[in-house]
Amino acid sequence: MILETEWVLRAAYELDAETVCAAFRRVFGLSNVSLASAQRVAQALAWHEAGLDFADAFQLALSQGHPTLKTFDGQFIKRAKSLGACRVEKP
């Protein structure tokens, strides 16, 4: 649901990364909202604000704890080299 919400906010409402991340933080901070992986979602938001595509940041954050994340996206591989413990590489 988080990926789809980001896409709608970016594509339909033309919101920038900073605004989208601020909105997510407000919603995720509500007392009646809980996240299964709150620290990993927070990391994804930070990486997205730093310039990583949201979907890439989200997948990389959720992949922490695993040795590798496979992708065909060469730009993502380059950008992810210094982020987290999970190695991003081509299949």
N, C-alpha and C. Protein backbone atom coordinates (compact mmCIF):
# COMPACT_ATOMS: atom_id res chain seq x y z
N MET A 1 0.81 -1.19 0.00
CA MET A 1 0.00 0.00 0.00
C MET A 1 0.87 1.26 0.00
N ILE A 2 2.01 1.22 0.66
CA ILE A 2 2.88 2.39 0.74
C ILE A 2 3.41 2.76 -0.64
N LEU A 3 3.84 1.76 -1.41
CA LEU A 3 4.35 2.04 -2.76
C LEU A 3 3.28 2.69 -3.65
N GLU A 4 2.08 2.15 -3.60
CA GLU A 4 1.00 2.68 -4.43
C GLU A 4 0.62 4.10 -4.00
N THR A 5 0.62 4.34 -2.68
CA THR A 5 0.29 5.68 -2.19
C THR A 5 1.33 6.69 -2.64
N GLU A 6 2.61 6.31 -2.57
CA GLU A 6 3.67 7.22 -3.04
C GLU A 6 3.48 7.53 -4.51
N TRP A 7 3.16 6.51 -5.30
CA TRP A 7 2.99 6.71 -6.74
C TRP A 7 1.84 7.70 -7.01
N VAL A 8 0.73 7.55 -6.32
CA VAL A 8 -0.41 8.45 -6.51
C VAL A 8 -0.04 9.88 -6.11
N LEU A 9 0.63 10.04 -4.97
CA LEU A 9 1.00 11.38 -4.51
C LEU A 9 1.97 12.05 -5.49
N ARG A 10 2.88 11.26 -6.06
CA ARG A 10 3.87 11.81 -7.00
C ARG A 10 3.26 12.03 -8.38
N ALA A 11 2.58 11.01 -8.91
CA ALA A 11 2.10 11.07 -10.29
C ALA A 11 0.82 11.89 -10.45
N ALA A 12 -0.14 11.65 -9.59
CA ALA A 12 -1.43 12.33 -9.73
C ALA A 12 -1.43 13.73 -9.12
N TYR A 13 -0.77 13.87 -7.97
CA TYR A 13 -0.78 15.16 -7.28
C TYR A 13 0.49 15.97 -7.48
N GLU A 14 1.47 15.36 -8.19
CA GLU A 14 2.73 16.02 -8.54
C GLU A 14 3.48 16.55 -7.32
N LEU A 15 3.47 15.78 -6.23
CA LEU A 15 4.19 16.18 -5.03
C LEU A 15 5.64 15.72 -5.13
N ASP A 16 6.54 16.53 -4.58
CA ASP A 16 7.96 16.17 -4.61
C ASP A 16 8.28 15.22 -3.46
N ALA A 17 9.50 14.67 -3.49
CA ALA A 17 9.91 13.67 -2.51
C ALA A 17 9.81 14.19 -1.08
N GLU A 18 10.24 15.41 -0.86
CA GLU A 18 10.21 15.97 0.49
C GLU A 18 8.78 16.05 1.04
N THR A 19 7.85 16.49 0.20
CA THR A 19 6.46 16.62 0.61
C THR A 19 5.82 15.26 0.86
N VAL A 20 6.11 14.31 -0.02
CA VAL A 20 5.57 12.95 0.15
C VAL A 20 6.09 12.34 1.44
N CYS A 21 7.39 12.47 1.70
CA CYS A 21 7.96 11.89 2.91
C CYS A 21 7.41 12.56 4.17
N ALA A 22 7.22 13.87 4.11
CA ALA A 22 6.64 14.57 5.25
C ALA A 22 5.21 14.09 5.51
N ALA A 23 4.45 13.88 4.46
CA ALA A 23 3.07 13.39 4.60
C ALA A 23 3.07 11.98 5.20
N PHE A 24 3.95 11.12 4.70
CA PHE A 24 4.04 9.77 5.26
C PHE A 24 4.39 9.81 6.75
N ARG A 25 5.35 10.64 7.11
CA ARG A 25 5.75 10.73 8.52
C ARG A 25 4.59 11.17 9.40
N ARG A 26 3.79 12.11 8.90
CA ARG A 26 2.63 12.56 9.68
C ARG A 26 1.63 11.41 9.86
N VAL A 27 1.33 10.69 8.78
CA VAL A 27 0.37 9.59 8.86
C VAL A 27 0.93 8.46 9.73
N PHE A 28 2.19 8.09 9.51
CA PHE A 28 2.79 6.98 10.26
C PHE A 28 2.97 7.33 11.73
N GLY A 29 2.98 8.60 12.06
CA GLY A 29 3.12 9.02 13.44
C GLY A 29 1.82 9.06 14.23
N LEU A 30 0.71 8.82 13.55
CA LEU A 30 -0.58 8.82 14.24
C LEU A 30 -0.66 7.65 15.22
N SER A 31 -1.32 7.87 16.33
CA SER A 31 -1.38 6.85 17.37
C SER A 31 -2.12 5.59 16.92
N ASN A 32 -3.00 5.69 15.98
CA ASN A 32 -3.77 4.52 15.54
C ASN A 32 -3.18 3.86 14.29
N VAL A 33 -1.97 4.24 13.90
CA VAL A 33 -1.29 3.65 12.74
C VAL A 33 -0.08 2.88 13.24
N SER A 34 0.06 1.65 12.78
CA SER A 34 1.24 0.87 13.13
C SER A 34 1.84 0.27 11.86
N LEU A 35 3.15 0.18 11.85
CA LEU A 35 3.88 -0.36 10.71
C LEU A 35 4.60 -1.63 11.15
N ALA A 36 4.62 -2.61 10.28
CA ALA A 36 5.30 -3.87 10.59
C ALA A 36 6.81 -3.67 10.68
N SER A 37 7.35 -2.78 9.87
CA SER A 37 8.81 -2.55 9.82
C SER A 37 9.09 -1.05 9.86
N ALA A 38 8.74 -0.42 10.95
CA ALA A 38 8.81 1.04 11.06
C ALA A 38 10.22 1.57 10.81
N GLN A 39 11.25 0.93 11.34
CA GLN A 39 12.61 1.42 11.14
C GLN A 39 13.03 1.32 9.68
N ARG A 40 12.61 0.27 9.02
CA ARG A 40 12.96 0.11 7.60
C ARG A 40 12.20 1.11 6.73
N VAL A 41 10.97 1.38 7.06
CA VAL A 41 10.21 2.39 6.33
C VAL A 41 10.84 3.76 6.55
N ALA A 42 11.26 4.06 7.77
CA ALA A 42 11.93 5.33 8.05
C ALA A 42 13.22 5.44 7.23
N GLN A 43 13.96 4.35 7.10
CA GLN A 43 15.18 4.36 6.30
C GLN A 43 14.85 4.61 4.83
N ALA A 44 13.79 3.99 4.34
CA ALA A 44 13.38 4.20 2.95
C ALA A 44 13.04 5.67 2.71
N LEU A 45 12.35 6.28 3.64
CA LEU A 45 12.01 7.70 3.49
C LEU A 45 13.27 8.56 3.45
N ALA A 46 14.22 8.26 4.31
CA ALA A 46 15.48 9.03 4.33
C ALA A 46 16.24 8.86 3.02
N TRP A 47 16.32 7.64 2.51
CA TRP A 47 17.00 7.40 1.24
C TRP A 47 16.27 8.08 0.09
N HIS A 48 14.95 8.08 0.13
CA HIS A 48 14.17 8.75 -0.92
C HIS A 48 14.42 10.26 -0.89
N GLU A 49 14.42 10.84 0.28
CA GLU A 49 14.70 12.27 0.39
C GLU A 49 16.12 12.61 -0.08
N ALA A 50 17.03 11.64 0.03
CA ALA A 50 18.42 11.83 -0.40
C ALA A 50 18.60 11.61 -1.90
N GLY A 51 17.50 11.26 -2.61
CA GLY A 51 17.58 11.17 -4.06
C GLY A 51 17.31 9.81 -4.67
N LEU A 52 17.17 8.79 -3.87
CA LEU A 52 16.88 7.46 -4.41
C LEU A 52 15.40 7.37 -4.76
N ASP A 53 15.10 6.72 -5.86
CA ASP A 53 13.71 6.47 -6.25
C ASP A 53 12.99 5.80 -5.08
N PHE A 54 11.73 6.16 -4.83
CA PHE A 54 11.04 5.63 -3.66
C PHE A 54 10.93 4.12 -3.69
N ALA A 55 10.54 3.55 -4.81
CA ALA A 55 10.39 2.09 -4.89
C ALA A 55 11.73 1.40 -4.63
N ASP A 56 12.81 1.94 -5.19
CA ASP A 56 14.14 1.38 -4.95
C ASP A 56 14.51 1.49 -3.47
N ALA A 57 14.28 2.65 -2.89
CA ALA A 57 14.60 2.87 -1.47
C ALA A 57 13.79 1.93 -0.59
N PHE A 58 12.53 1.77 -0.91
CA PHE A 58 11.65 0.91 -0.13
C PHE A 58 12.10 -0.55 -0.21
N GLN A 59 12.38 -1.02 -1.42
CA GLN A 59 12.83 -2.41 -1.60
C GLN A 59 14.17 -2.65 -0.92
N LEU A 60 15.09 -1.69 -1.04
CA LEU A 60 16.39 -1.83 -0.41
C LEU A 60 16.26 -1.86 1.11
N ALA A 61 15.45 -0.98 1.66
CA ALA A 61 15.26 -0.96 3.11
C ALA A 61 14.66 -2.27 3.60
N LEU A 62 13.69 -2.79 2.89
CA LEU A 62 13.07 -4.06 3.29
C LEU A 62 14.00 -5.25 3.08
N SER A 63 15.04 -5.07 2.26
CA SER A 63 15.99 -6.16 1.98
C SER A 63 17.14 -6.19 2.97
N GLN A 64 17.24 -5.22 3.85
CA GLN A 64 18.31 -5.25 4.85
C GLN A 64 18.14 -6.50 5.68
N GLY A 65 19.23 -7.15 5.97
CA GLY A 65 19.16 -8.45 6.65
C GLY A 65 19.30 -9.61 5.67
N HIS A 66 19.22 -9.29 4.37
CA HIS A 66 19.45 -10.28 3.33
C HIS A 66 20.77 -9.94 2.65
N PRO A 67 21.47 -10.93 2.12
CA PRO A 67 22.79 -10.63 1.53
C PRO A 67 22.73 -9.83 0.24
N THR A 68 21.73 -10.10 -0.60
CA THR A 68 21.67 -9.41 -1.89
C THR A 68 20.25 -9.07 -2.30
N LEU A 69 20.15 -8.04 -3.14
CA LEU A 69 18.91 -7.66 -3.80
C LEU A 69 19.23 -7.62 -5.29
N LYS A 70 18.49 -8.33 -6.08
CA LYS A 70 18.75 -8.43 -7.52
C LYS A 70 17.90 -7.42 -8.28
N THR A 71 18.52 -6.76 -9.27
CA THR A 71 17.82 -5.80 -10.12
C THR A 71 18.55 -5.68 -11.46
N PHE A 72 17.82 -5.26 -12.48
CA PHE A 72 18.42 -4.97 -13.77
C PHE A 72 18.74 -3.48 -13.90
N ASP A 73 18.40 -2.70 -12.90
CA ASP A 73 18.56 -1.24 -12.93
C ASP A 73 19.99 -0.84 -12.55
N GLY A 74 20.79 -0.54 -13.55
CA GLY A 74 22.19 -0.17 -13.33
C GLY A 74 22.35 1.07 -12.49
N GLN A 75 21.48 2.05 -12.66
CA GLN A 75 21.54 3.28 -11.85
C GLN A 75 21.30 2.96 -10.38
N PHE A 76 20.35 2.12 -10.11
CA PHE A 76 20.05 1.72 -8.74
C PHE A 76 21.25 1.01 -8.13
N ILE A 77 21.88 0.13 -8.88
CA ILE A 77 23.06 -0.59 -8.40
C ILE A 77 24.15 0.40 -8.00
N LYS A 78 24.41 1.39 -8.83
CA LYS A 78 25.44 2.39 -8.53
C LYS A 78 25.08 3.20 -7.29
N ARG A 79 23.85 3.66 -7.21
CA ARG A 79 23.43 4.50 -6.09
C ARG A 79 23.39 3.74 -4.77
N ALA A 80 23.13 2.45 -4.83
CA ALA A 80 22.95 1.66 -3.61
C ALA A 80 24.27 1.13 -3.03
N LYS A 81 25.37 1.33 -3.73
CA LYS A 81 26.65 0.76 -3.28
C LYS A 81 27.00 1.13 -1.84
N SER A 82 26.74 2.34 -1.44
CA SER A 82 27.13 2.78 -0.09
C SER A 82 25.96 2.80 0.88
N LEU A 83 24.84 2.23 0.49
CA LEU A 83 23.65 2.26 1.34
C LEU A 83 23.36 0.89 1.93
N GLY A 84 23.36 0.80 3.20
CA GLY A 84 22.96 -0.42 3.87
C GLY A 84 23.91 -1.58 3.68
N ALA A 85 23.57 -2.68 4.30
CA ALA A 85 24.41 -3.87 4.27
C ALA A 85 24.05 -4.83 3.15
N CYS A 86 22.91 -4.63 2.54
CA CYS A 86 22.45 -5.51 1.46
C CYS A 86 23.11 -5.08 0.15
N ARG A 87 23.79 -6.01 -0.51
CA ARG A 87 24.43 -5.72 -1.79
C ARG A 87 23.39 -5.76 -2.91
N VAL A 88 23.41 -4.75 -3.78
CA VAL A 88 22.48 -4.68 -4.91
C VAL A 88 23.28 -5.03 -6.16
N GLU A 89 22.78 -6.02 -6.90
CA GLU A 89 23.52 -6.49 -8.07
C GLU A 89 22.59 -7.03 -9.14
N LYS A 90 23.15 -7.25 -10.33
CA LYS A 90 22.36 -7.85 -11.41
C LYS A 90 22.20 -9.34 -11.16
N PRO A 91 21.07 -9.89 -11.63
CA PRO A 91 20.86 -11.35 -11.46
C PRO A 91 21.83 -12.16 -12.29
